[in-house]
Amino acid sequence: MKKIYHLSTCSTCQRIIKELQPLTDFELQDIKIDPISEDQLEQMHELSKSYESLFSKRAVLYRERGLKDQNLKEKDFKNLILEHYTFLKRPVILFEGQIFIGNSKKVVEAAKKAIHS
């Protein structure tokens, strides 16, 4: 599978997608317009082995709701990601059985290397 979950309104996501070009046969899913399904999240979880690794602790709602002061469990991370797109760490890149989560330089370089090797 070749897929990128992203936000079209996120300049960082757009920069990374541009950096990864050419993206032959990739499906791009804007999670604000087309929210992720539970099945899609399960697929990401199978590869990442953790809902927390898919969860964005930088989300404004994370601070607004005081979630950093709570003892969140895997089930909580899953439910929050399904509840609101902002809780998914972006972008999430699925490429031939591999998953690349987030926008750190290291992750983007690893994705680029995998896609273009």
C-alpha atoms as a PDB file:
ATOM      1  CA  MET A   1       0.000   0.000   0.000  1.00  0.00           C
ATOM      2  CA  LYS A   2       1.171   3.494  -0.839  1.00  0.00           C
ATOM      3  CA  LYS A   3      -0.766   6.112   1.075  1.00  0.00           C
ATOM      4  CA  ILE A   4      -0.228   9.419   2.837  1.00  0.00           C
ATOM      5  CA  TYR A   5      -2.595  10.738   5.490  1.00  0.00           C
ATOM      6  CA  HIS A   6      -2.155  14.507   5.649  1.00  0.00           C
ATOM      7  CA  LEU A   7      -3.848  17.890   5.942  1.00  0.00           C
ATOM      8  CA  SER A   8      -3.982  19.982   2.783  1.00  0.00           C
ATOM      9  CA  THR A   9      -4.049  23.103   4.964  1.00  0.00           C
ATOM     10  CA  CYS A  10      -0.813  22.140   6.750  1.00  0.00           C
ATOM     11  CA  SER A  11       2.225  23.775   5.162  1.00  0.00           C
ATOM     12  CA  THR A  12       4.545  21.209   6.777  1.00  0.00           C
ATOM     13  CA  CYS A  13       2.587  18.303   5.262  1.00  0.00           C
ATOM     14  CA  GLN A  14       2.619  20.005   1.864  1.00  0.00           C
ATOM     15  CA  ARG A  15       6.373  20.655   2.068  1.00  0.00           C
ATOM     16  CA  ILE A  16       7.043  17.007   2.948  1.00  0.00           C
ATOM     17  CA  ILE A  17       4.819  15.716   0.124  1.00  0.00           C
ATOM     18  CA  LYS A  18       6.691  17.999  -2.274  1.00  0.00           C
ATOM     19  CA  GLU A  19      10.023  16.740  -0.882  1.00  0.00           C
ATOM     20  CA  LEU A  20       8.980  13.125  -1.463  1.00  0.00           C
ATOM     21  CA  GLN A  21       8.120  13.653  -5.147  1.00  0.00           C
ATOM     22  CA  PRO A  22       7.761  11.797  -7.383  1.00  0.00           C
ATOM     23  CA  LEU A  23       5.086   9.811  -5.547  1.00  0.00           C
ATOM     24  CA  THR A  24       4.085   7.201  -8.098  1.00  0.00           C
ATOM     25  CA  ASP A  25       0.798   5.408  -7.333  1.00  0.00           C
ATOM     26  CA  PHE A  26       0.365   7.063  -3.919  1.00  0.00           C
ATOM     27  CA  GLU A  27      -3.100   7.804  -2.566  1.00  0.00           C
ATOM     28  CA  LEU A  28      -3.311  11.079  -0.638  1.00  0.00           C
ATOM     29  CA  GLN A  29      -6.030  11.359   1.996  1.00  0.00           C
ATOM     30  CA  ASP A  30      -6.792  14.763   3.482  1.00  0.00           C
ATOM     31  CA  ILE A  31      -7.956  13.725   6.952  1.00  0.00           C
ATOM     32  CA  LYS A  32      -9.953  16.928   7.484  1.00  0.00           C
ATOM     33  CA  ILE A  33     -12.076  16.340   4.376  1.00  0.00           C
ATOM     34  CA  ASP A  34     -12.049  12.532   4.531  1.00  0.00           C
ATOM     35  CA  PRO A  35     -11.629  11.496   8.202  1.00  0.00           C
ATOM     36  CA  ILE A  36      -9.754   8.308   8.952  1.00  0.00           C
ATOM     37  CA  SER A  37     -11.891   5.273   9.663  1.00  0.00           C
ATOM     38  CA  GLU A  38     -11.414   2.855  12.517  1.00  0.00           C
ATOM     39  CA  ASP A  39     -10.179   0.265   9.992  1.00  0.00           C
ATOM     40  CA  GLN A  40      -7.568   2.688   8.659  1.00  0.00           C
ATOM     41  CA  LEU A  41      -6.416   3.486  12.189  1.00  0.00           C
ATOM     42  CA  GLU A  42      -6.200  -0.248  12.958  1.00  0.00           C
ATOM     43  CA  GLN A  43      -4.027  -0.706   9.885  1.00  0.00           C
ATOM     44  CA  MET A  44      -1.693   2.066  11.085  1.00  0.00           C
ATOM     45  CA  HIS A  45      -1.652   0.514  14.559  1.00  0.00           C
ATOM     46  CA  GLU A  46      -0.666  -2.894  13.153  1.00  0.00           C
ATOM     47  CA  LEU A  47       2.444  -1.301  11.652  1.00  0.00           C
ATOM     48  CA  SER A  48       3.288   1.114  14.470  1.00  0.00           C
ATOM     49  CA  LYS A  49       2.268  -1.189  17.384  1.00  0.00           C
ATOM     50  CA  SER A  50       1.138   1.872  19.348  1.00  0.00           C
ATOM     51  CA  TYR A  51      -1.704   4.383  19.226  1.00  0.00           C
ATOM     52  CA  GLU A  52       0.417   6.758  21.286  1.00  0.00           C
ATOM     53  CA  SER A  53       3.054   6.858  18.520  1.00  0.00           C
ATOM     54  CA  LEU A  54       0.296   8.007  16.122  1.00  0.00           C
ATOM     55  CA  PHE A  55      -0.958  10.659  18.546  1.00  0.00           C
ATOM     56  CA  SER A  56       0.025  14.312  18.271  1.00  0.00           C
ATOM     57  CA  LYS A  57       0.768  15.854  21.628  1.00  0.00           C
ATOM     58  CA  ARG A  58       1.304  19.172  19.815  1.00  0.00           C
ATOM     59  CA  ALA A  59      -2.401  19.484  19.012  1.00  0.00           C
ATOM     60  CA  VAL A  60      -4.036  22.613  20.413  1.00  0.00           C
ATOM     61  CA  LEU A  61      -6.942  20.481  21.698  1.00  0.00           C
ATOM     62  CA  TYR A  62      -4.437  18.379  23.685  1.00  0.00           C
ATOM     63  CA  ARG A  63      -3.517  21.439  25.732  1.00  0.00           C
ATOM     64  CA  GLU A  64      -7.005  22.980  25.766  1.00  0.00           C
ATOM     65  CA  ARG A  65      -8.556  19.826  27.213  1.00  0.00           C
ATOM     66  CA  GLY A  66      -5.785  19.394  29.761  1.00  0.00           C
ATOM     67  CA  LEU A  67      -4.978  15.947  28.382  1.00  0.00           C
ATOM     68  CA  LYS A  68      -1.283  16.267  29.258  1.00  0.00           C
ATOM     69  CA  ASP A  69      -2.287  16.163  32.910  1.00  0.00           C
ATOM     70  CA  GLN A  70      -4.223  12.907  32.460  1.00  0.00           C
ATOM     71  CA  ASN A  71      -2.879   9.377  32.470  1.00  0.00           C
ATOM     72  CA  LEU A  72      -3.964   8.397  28.950  1.00  0.00           C
ATOM     73  CA  LYS A  73      -4.014   4.736  27.941  1.00  0.00           C
ATOM     74  CA  GLU A  74      -3.737   3.217  24.440  1.00  0.00           C
ATOM     75  CA  LYS A  75      -7.560   3.034  24.214  1.00  0.00           C
ATOM     76  CA  ASP A  76      -7.758   6.780  25.012  1.00  0.00           C
ATOM     77  CA  PHE A  77      -5.245   7.645  22.283  1.00  0.00           C
ATOM     78  CA  LYS A  78      -7.220   5.552  19.785  1.00  0.00           C
ATOM     79  CA  ASN A  79     -10.554   7.144  20.686  1.00  0.00           C
ATOM     80  CA  LEU A  80      -9.148  10.679  20.583  1.00  0.00           C
ATOM     81  CA  ILE A  81      -7.597  10.126  17.132  1.00  0.00           C
ATOM     82  CA  LEU A  82     -10.926   8.820  15.844  1.00  0.00           C
ATOM     83  CA  GLU A  83     -12.793  11.704  17.487  1.00  0.00           C
ATOM     84  CA  HIS A  84     -10.815  14.549  15.877  1.00  0.00           C
ATOM     85  CA  TYR A  85      -8.328  14.654  12.999  1.00  0.00           C
ATOM     86  CA  THR A  86      -6.038  17.063  14.832  1.00  0.00           C
ATOM     87  CA  PHE A  87      -4.928  14.266  17.169  1.00  0.00           C
ATOM     88  CA  LEU A  88      -3.263  12.270  14.376  1.00  0.00           C
ATOM     89  CA  LYS A  89       0.449  13.002  14.116  1.00  0.00           C
ATOM     90  CA  ARG A  90       0.997  14.103  10.527  1.00  0.00           C
ATOM     91  CA  PRO A  91       1.817  13.110   7.948  1.00  0.00           C
ATOM     92  CA  VAL A  92       1.471   9.337   8.205  1.00  0.00           C
ATOM     93  CA  ILE A  93       3.099   7.624   5.249  1.00  0.00           C
ATOM     94  CA  LEU A  94       2.354   3.973   4.479  1.00  0.00           C
ATOM     95  CA  PHE A  95       4.714   2.388   1.998  1.00  0.00           C
ATOM     96  CA  GLU A  96       4.909  -1.327   1.233  1.00  0.00           C
ATOM     97  CA  GLY A  97       4.434  -2.585   4.787  1.00  0.00           C
ATOM     98  CA  GLN A  98       6.339   0.269   6.425  1.00  0.00           C
ATOM     99  CA  ILE A  99       4.983   3.253   8.337  1.00  0.00           C
ATOM    100  CA  PHE A 100       6.543   6.687   8.761  1.00  0.00           C
ATOM    101  CA  ILE A 101       4.867   8.913  11.338  1.00  0.00           C
ATOM    102  CA  GLY A 102       5.317  12.642  11.758  1.00  0.00           C
ATOM    103  CA  ASN A 103       7.478  15.344  10.319  1.00  0.00           C
ATOM    104  CA  SER A 104      10.857  14.978  11.995  1.00  0.00           C
ATOM    105  CA  LYS A 105      13.814  15.246   9.655  1.00  0.00           C
ATOM    106  CA  LYS A 106      14.857  11.677  10.509  1.00  0.00           C
ATOM    107  CA  VAL A 107      11.416  10.243   9.664  1.00  0.00           C
ATOM    108  CA  VAL A 108      11.139  12.208   6.409  1.00  0.00           C
ATOM    109  CA  GLU A 109      14.616  11.112   5.308  1.00  0.00           C
ATOM    110  CA  ALA A 110      13.811   7.468   6.116  1.00  0.00           C
ATOM    111  CA  ALA A 111      10.575   7.700   4.100  1.00  0.00           C
ATOM    112  CA  LYS A 112      12.380   9.343   1.184  1.00  0.00           C
ATOM    113  CA  LYS A 113      15.056   6.658   1.217  1.00  0.00           C
ATOM    114  CA  ALA A 114      12.466   3.831   1.304  1.00  0.00           C
ATOM    115  CA  ILE A 115      10.288   5.334  -1.438  1.00  0.00           C
ATOM    116  CA  HIS A 116      13.124   6.155  -3.825  1.00  0.00           C
ATOM    117  CA  SER A 117      15.440   3.181  -3.369  1.00  0.00           C
END
